[in-house]
């Protein structure tokens, strides 16, 4: 969510495509399409090998794609952007499937189930609100120096968020 709402501006300002809105729609479509098969595969694999290894793998893949987006910024190419988007989508699809399965595994039942599910939902929605604000502030603070620097910092931050999310999953008790 750090870069999701800014893709069209990244494509306009850094990749310099003619129609950034249209191209960002294609990019998001590629991310989603690439994520569909991996969500099914990762769900099955997590049933056999545990949720956490799939979260580690998918989080690492999304962090890697975020770092590779810096290379896209340095060597602008829409084709390269699509390839990295597909790589991100592979990790994203796997993460989404396994994240839900992990939550179902560890959320307790009984009287606290609704409260715990509400807390988990806030944990899903809050980053969608905070991340674009952090990205916007970062880009605004760095735009006088260089938008390329701004997007580089944003993609590094995005990779850090994925790594931190993966590290925090290690702390979850009651899940394998």
C-alpha atoms as a PDB file:
ATOM      1  CA  UNK A   1       0.000   0.000   0.000  1.00  0.00           C
ATOM      2  CA  UNK A   2       3.041   2.259   0.217  1.00  0.00           C
ATOM      3  CA  UNK A   3       3.321   2.455  -3.567  1.00  0.00           C
ATOM      4  CA  UNK A   4      -0.032   1.148  -4.778  1.00  0.00           C
ATOM      5  CA  UNK A   5      -1.691   4.570  -4.950  1.00  0.00           C
ATOM      6  CA  UNK A   6       1.455   6.159  -6.382  1.00  0.00           C
ATOM      7  CA  UNK A   7       2.108   3.791  -9.289  1.00  0.00           C
ATOM      8  CA  UNK A   8       0.587   6.161 -11.839  1.00  0.00           C
ATOM      9  CA  UNK A   9       2.858   8.972 -10.627  1.00  0.00           C
ATOM     10  CA  UNK A  10       5.891   6.678 -10.620  1.00  0.00           C
ATOM     11  CA  UNK A  11       5.089   5.693 -14.201  1.00  0.00           C
ATOM     12  CA  UNK A  12       4.570   9.321 -15.198  1.00  0.00           C
ATOM     13  CA  UNK A  13       7.503  10.937 -13.388  1.00  0.00           C
ATOM     14  CA  UNK A  14      10.136   8.189 -13.431  1.00  0.00           C
ATOM     15  CA  UNK A  15       9.299   5.749 -16.241  1.00  0.00           C
ATOM     16  CA  UNK A  16       7.836   8.598 -18.334  1.00  0.00           C
ATOM     17  CA  UNK A  17       5.066   6.669 -20.047  1.00  0.00           C
ATOM     18  CA  UNK A  18       2.573   8.479 -22.274  1.00  0.00           C
ATOM     19  CA  UNK A  19      -0.551   7.319 -20.442  1.00  0.00           C
ATOM     20  CA  UNK A  20       0.342   6.554 -16.805  1.00  0.00           C
ATOM     21  CA  UNK A  21      -3.237   5.941 -15.676  1.00  0.00           C
ATOM     22  CA  UNK A  22      -3.787   3.287 -18.329  1.00  0.00           C
ATOM     23  CA  UNK A  23      -0.367   1.725 -17.781  1.00  0.00           C
ATOM     24  CA  UNK A  24      -0.837   1.590 -14.012  1.00  0.00           C
ATOM     25  CA  UNK A  25      -4.133  -0.215 -14.588  1.00  0.00           C
ATOM     26  CA  UNK A  26      -2.291  -2.792 -16.685  1.00  0.00           C
ATOM     27  CA  UNK A  27       0.417  -3.086 -14.031  1.00  0.00           C
ATOM     28  CA  UNK A  28      -2.109  -3.703 -11.267  1.00  0.00           C
ATOM     29  CA  UNK A  29      -3.877  -6.213 -13.515  1.00  0.00           C
ATOM     30  CA  UNK A  30      -0.607  -8.072 -14.025  1.00  0.00           C
ATOM     31  CA  UNK A  31       0.010  -8.115 -10.269  1.00  0.00           C
ATOM     32  CA  UNK A  32      -3.439  -9.572  -9.637  1.00  0.00           C
ATOM     33  CA  UNK A  33      -3.281 -12.143 -12.448  1.00  0.00           C
ATOM     34  CA  UNK A  34       0.189 -13.290 -11.337  1.00  0.00           C
ATOM     35  CA  UNK A  35      -1.112 -13.659  -7.784  1.00  0.00           C
ATOM     36  CA  UNK A  36      -4.079 -15.905  -8.552  1.00  0.00           C
ATOM     37  CA  UNK A  37      -2.244 -19.180  -9.238  1.00  0.00           C
ATOM     38  CA  UNK A  38       0.282 -18.590  -6.473  1.00  0.00           C
ATOM     39  CA  UNK A  39      -2.475 -18.021  -3.937  1.00  0.00           C
ATOM     40  CA  UNK A  40      -3.862 -21.470  -4.733  1.00  0.00           C
ATOM     41  CA  UNK A  41      -0.435 -23.123  -4.761  1.00  0.00           C
ATOM     42  CA  UNK A  42       0.764 -21.418  -1.579  1.00  0.00           C
ATOM     43  CA  UNK A  43      -2.470 -22.317   0.206  1.00  0.00           C
ATOM     44  CA  UNK A  44      -1.930 -25.985  -0.561  1.00  0.00           C
ATOM     45  CA  UNK A  45       1.755 -25.846   0.328  1.00  0.00           C
ATOM     46  CA  UNK A  46       1.005 -24.104   3.621  1.00  0.00           C
ATOM     47  CA  UNK A  47      -1.414 -26.904   4.523  1.00  0.00           C
ATOM     48  CA  UNK A  48       1.430 -29.389   4.101  1.00  0.00           C
ATOM     49  CA  UNK A  49       4.488 -27.448   5.246  1.00  0.00           C
ATOM     50  CA  UNK A  50       3.108 -24.819   7.597  1.00  0.00           C
ATOM     51  CA  UNK A  51       1.944 -21.241   7.236  1.00  0.00           C
ATOM     52  CA  UNK A  52       5.078 -19.486   8.418  1.00  0.00           C
ATOM     53  CA  UNK A  53       7.465 -20.786   5.720  1.00  0.00           C
ATOM     54  CA  UNK A  54       5.064 -19.551   3.039  1.00  0.00           C
ATOM     55  CA  UNK A  55       4.784 -16.152   4.745  1.00  0.00           C
ATOM     56  CA  UNK A  56       8.589 -15.933   4.892  1.00  0.00           C
ATOM     57  CA  UNK A  57       8.911 -16.854   1.230  1.00  0.00           C
ATOM     58  CA  UNK A  58       6.168 -14.557  -0.022  1.00  0.00           C
ATOM     59  CA  UNK A  59       7.257 -11.639   2.179  1.00  0.00           C
ATOM     60  CA  UNK A  60      10.818 -12.068   0.961  1.00  0.00           C
ATOM     61  CA  UNK A  61       9.668 -12.163  -2.646  1.00  0.00           C
ATOM     62  CA  UNK A  62       7.666  -8.950  -2.250  1.00  0.00           C
ATOM     63  CA  UNK A  63      10.634  -7.263  -0.515  1.00  0.00           C
ATOM     64  CA  UNK A  64      12.900  -8.377  -3.373  1.00  0.00           C
ATOM     65  CA  UNK A  65      10.458  -7.019  -5.971  1.00  0.00           C
ATOM     66  CA  UNK A  66      10.348  -3.704  -4.088  1.00  0.00           C
ATOM     67  CA  UNK A  67      14.126  -3.444  -4.252  1.00  0.00           C
ATOM     68  CA  UNK A  68      14.127  -4.404  -7.944  1.00  0.00           C
ATOM     69  CA  UNK A  69      11.682  -1.550  -8.570  1.00  0.00           C
ATOM     70  CA  UNK A  70      14.639   0.726  -7.733  1.00  0.00           C
ATOM     71  CA  UNK A  71      16.436  -0.792 -10.736  1.00  0.00           C
ATOM     72  CA  UNK A  72      13.321  -0.093 -12.794  1.00  0.00           C
ATOM     73  CA  UNK A  73      13.616   3.542 -11.745  1.00  0.00           C
ATOM     74  CA  UNK A  74      17.289   3.626 -12.718  1.00  0.00           C
ATOM     75  CA  UNK A  75      16.683   1.857 -16.044  1.00  0.00           C
ATOM     76  CA  UNK A  76      13.160   2.951 -17.019  1.00  0.00           C
ATOM     77  CA  UNK A  77      11.270   0.437 -19.099  1.00  0.00           C
ATOM     78  CA  UNK A  78       7.600  -0.413 -19.076  1.00  0.00           C
ATOM     79  CA  UNK A  79       8.366  -4.033 -19.972  1.00  0.00           C
ATOM     80  CA  UNK A  80      10.779  -4.276 -17.005  1.00  0.00           C
ATOM     81  CA  UNK A  81       8.094  -2.698 -14.820  1.00  0.00           C
ATOM     82  CA  UNK A  82       5.590  -5.355 -15.877  1.00  0.00           C
ATOM     83  CA  UNK A  83       8.049  -8.179 -15.173  1.00  0.00           C
ATOM     84  CA  UNK A  84       8.795  -6.851 -11.684  1.00  0.00           C
ATOM     85  CA  UNK A  85       5.064  -6.340 -11.153  1.00  0.00           C
ATOM     86  CA  UNK A  86       4.476 -10.007 -12.018  1.00  0.00           C
ATOM     87  CA  UNK A  87       7.207 -11.037  -9.568  1.00  0.00           C
ATOM     88  CA  UNK A  88       5.559  -8.924  -6.888  1.00  0.00           C
ATOM     89  CA  UNK A  89       2.180 -10.433  -7.768  1.00  0.00           C
ATOM     90  CA  UNK A  90       3.521 -13.958  -7.287  1.00  0.00           C
ATOM     91  CA  UNK A  91       4.555 -13.041  -3.741  1.00  0.00           C
ATOM     92  CA  UNK A  92       1.396 -11.034  -3.107  1.00  0.00           C
ATOM     93  CA  UNK A  93      -0.962 -13.827  -4.111  1.00  0.00           C
ATOM     94  CA  UNK A  94       0.862 -16.323  -1.927  1.00  0.00           C
ATOM     95  CA  UNK A  95       0.933 -13.919   0.994  1.00  0.00           C
ATOM     96  CA  UNK A  96      -2.771 -13.107   0.815  1.00  0.00           C
ATOM     97  CA  UNK A  97      -3.804 -16.758   0.839  1.00  0.00           C
ATOM     98  CA  UNK A  98      -1.476 -17.794   3.624  1.00  0.00           C
ATOM     99  CA  UNK A  99      -2.099 -14.682   5.723  1.00  0.00           C
ATOM    100  CA  UNK A 100      -5.802 -15.482   5.926  1.00  0.00           C
ATOM    101  CA  UNK A 101      -5.101 -19.122   6.707  1.00  0.00           C
ATOM    102  CA  UNK A 102      -2.639 -18.121   9.433  1.00  0.00           C
ATOM    103  CA  UNK A 103      -5.167 -15.777  10.996  1.00  0.00           C
ATOM    104  CA  UNK A 104      -7.827 -18.478  11.032  1.00  0.00           C
ATOM    105  CA  UNK A 105      -5.355 -20.878  12.660  1.00  0.00           C
ATOM    106  CA  UNK A 106      -4.410 -18.570  15.520  1.00  0.00           C
ATOM    107  CA  UNK A 107      -7.541 -16.567  16.236  1.00  0.00           C
ATOM    108  CA  UNK A 108      -9.223 -18.039  19.292  1.00  0.00           C
ATOM    109  CA  UNK A 109     -12.868 -18.979  19.194  1.00  0.00           C
ATOM    110  CA  UNK A 110     -15.460 -18.326  21.835  1.00  0.00           C
ATOM    111  CA  UNK A 111     -16.590 -15.009  23.203  1.00  0.00           C
ATOM    112  CA  UNK A 112     -13.480 -13.106  22.086  1.00  0.00           C
ATOM    113  CA  UNK A 113     -13.613 -14.245  18.462  1.00  0.00           C
ATOM    114  CA  UNK A 114     -15.377 -11.122  17.178  1.00  0.00           C
ATOM    115  CA  UNK A 115     -13.095  -8.778  19.110  1.00  0.00           C
ATOM    116  CA  UNK A 116      -9.978 -10.607  17.918  1.00  0.00           C
ATOM    117  CA  UNK A 117     -11.213 -10.634  14.323  1.00  0.00           C
ATOM    118  CA  UNK A 118     -11.877  -6.883  14.632  1.00  0.00           C
ATOM    119  CA  UNK A 119      -8.322  -6.276  15.838  1.00  0.00           C
ATOM    120  CA  UNK A 120      -6.960  -8.365  12.984  1.00  0.00           C
ATOM    121  CA  UNK A 121      -9.090  -6.394  10.520  1.00  0.00           C
ATOM    122  CA  UNK A 122      -7.729  -3.111  11.878  1.00  0.00           C
ATOM    123  CA  UNK A 123      -4.240  -4.541  11.337  1.00  0.00           C
ATOM    124  CA  UNK A 124      -5.196  -5.082   7.686  1.00  0.00           C
ATOM    125  CA  UNK A 125      -6.854  -1.703   7.114  1.00  0.00           C
ATOM    126  CA  UNK A 126      -4.564   0.607   9.105  1.00  0.00           C
ATOM    127  CA  UNK A 127      -1.560   0.129   6.786  1.00  0.00           C
ATOM    128  CA  UNK A 128      -3.808   0.998   3.839  1.00  0.00           C
ATOM    129  CA  UNK A 129      -4.372   4.384   5.485  1.00  0.00           C
ATOM    130  CA  UNK A 130      -0.940   5.082   6.961  1.00  0.00           C
ATOM    131  CA  UNK A 131       1.327   3.776   4.184  1.00  0.00           C
ATOM    132  CA  UNK A 132       0.124   6.156   1.429  1.00  0.00           C
ATOM    133  CA  UNK A 133       0.399   9.059   3.867  1.00  0.00           C
ATOM    134  CA  UNK A 134       3.987   8.096   4.727  1.00  0.00           C
ATOM    135  CA  UNK A 135       4.794   7.690   1.030  1.00  0.00           C
ATOM    136  CA  UNK A 136       3.251  11.053   0.172  1.00  0.00           C
ATOM    137  CA  UNK A 137       5.167  12.808   2.940  1.00  0.00           C
ATOM    138  CA  UNK A 138       8.397  11.086   1.889  1.00  0.00           C
ATOM    139  CA  UNK A 139       7.990  11.998  -1.784  1.00  0.00           C
ATOM    140  CA  UNK A 140       7.022  15.562  -0.892  1.00  0.00           C
ATOM    141  CA  UNK A 141      10.016  15.955   1.420  1.00  0.00           C
ATOM    142  CA  UNK A 142      12.460  14.630  -1.190  1.00  0.00           C
ATOM    143  CA  UNK A 143      10.988  16.038  -4.422  1.00  0.00           C
ATOM    144  CA  UNK A 144      13.069  19.211  -4.233  1.00  0.00           C
ATOM    145  CA  UNK A 145      16.200  17.022  -4.325  1.00  0.00           C
ATOM    146  CA  UNK A 146      14.987  14.336  -6.727  1.00  0.00           C
ATOM    147  CA  UNK A 147      11.868  12.308  -7.350  1.00  0.00           C
ATOM    148  CA  UNK A 148      14.148   9.396  -8.183  1.00  0.00           C
ATOM    149  CA  UNK A 149      15.621   9.653  -4.691  1.00  0.00           C
ATOM    150  CA  UNK A 150      12.105   9.884  -3.266  1.00  0.00           C
ATOM    151  CA  UNK A 151      10.933   6.731  -5.004  1.00  0.00           C
ATOM    152  CA  UNK A 152      14.164   4.945  -4.082  1.00  0.00           C
ATOM    153  CA  UNK A 153      13.517   5.713  -0.414  1.00  0.00           C
ATOM    154  CA  UNK A 154       9.876   4.672  -0.782  1.00  0.00           C
ATOM    155  CA  UNK A 155      10.788   1.315  -2.332  1.00  0.00           C
ATOM    156  CA  UNK A 156      13.405   0.719   0.368  1.00  0.00           C
ATOM    157  CA  UNK A 157      10.800   1.516   3.032  1.00  0.00           C
ATOM    158  CA  UNK A 158       8.373  -0.845   1.328  1.00  0.00           C
ATOM    159  CA  UNK A 159      10.951  -3.633   1.417  1.00  0.00           C
ATOM    160  CA  UNK A 160      11.556  -2.888   5.103  1.00  0.00           C
ATOM    161  CA  UNK A 161       7.804  -3.164   5.825  1.00  0.00           C
ATOM    162  CA  UNK A 162       7.743  -6.605   4.176  1.00  0.00           C
ATOM    163  CA  UNK A 163      10.784  -7.773   6.103  1.00  0.00           C
ATOM    164  CA  UNK A 164       9.341  -6.481   9.386  1.00  0.00           C
ATOM    165  CA  UNK A 165       6.007  -8.175   8.672  1.00  0.00           C
ATOM    166  CA  UNK A 166       7.830 -11.420   8.053  1.00  0.00           C
ATOM    167  CA  UNK A 167       9.885 -11.052  11.242  1.00  0.00           C
ATOM    168  CA  UNK A 168       6.767 -10.330  13.292  1.00  0.00           C
ATOM    169  CA  UNK A 169       5.077 -13.476  11.973  1.00  0.00           C
ATOM    170  CA  UNK A 170       7.909 -15.469  13.562  1.00  0.00           C
ATOM    171  CA  UNK A 171       6.603 -14.321  16.946  1.00  0.00           C
ATOM    172  CA  UNK A 172       3.121 -15.777  16.438  1.00  0.00           C
ATOM    173  CA  UNK A 173       2.529 -18.673  18.776  1.00  0.00           C
ATOM    174  CA  UNK A 174       0.259 -21.563  17.898  1.00  0.00           C
ATOM    175  CA  UNK A 175       1.075 -21.635  14.199  1.00  0.00           C
ATOM    176  CA  UNK A 176       3.602 -23.618  12.255  1.00  0.00           C
END
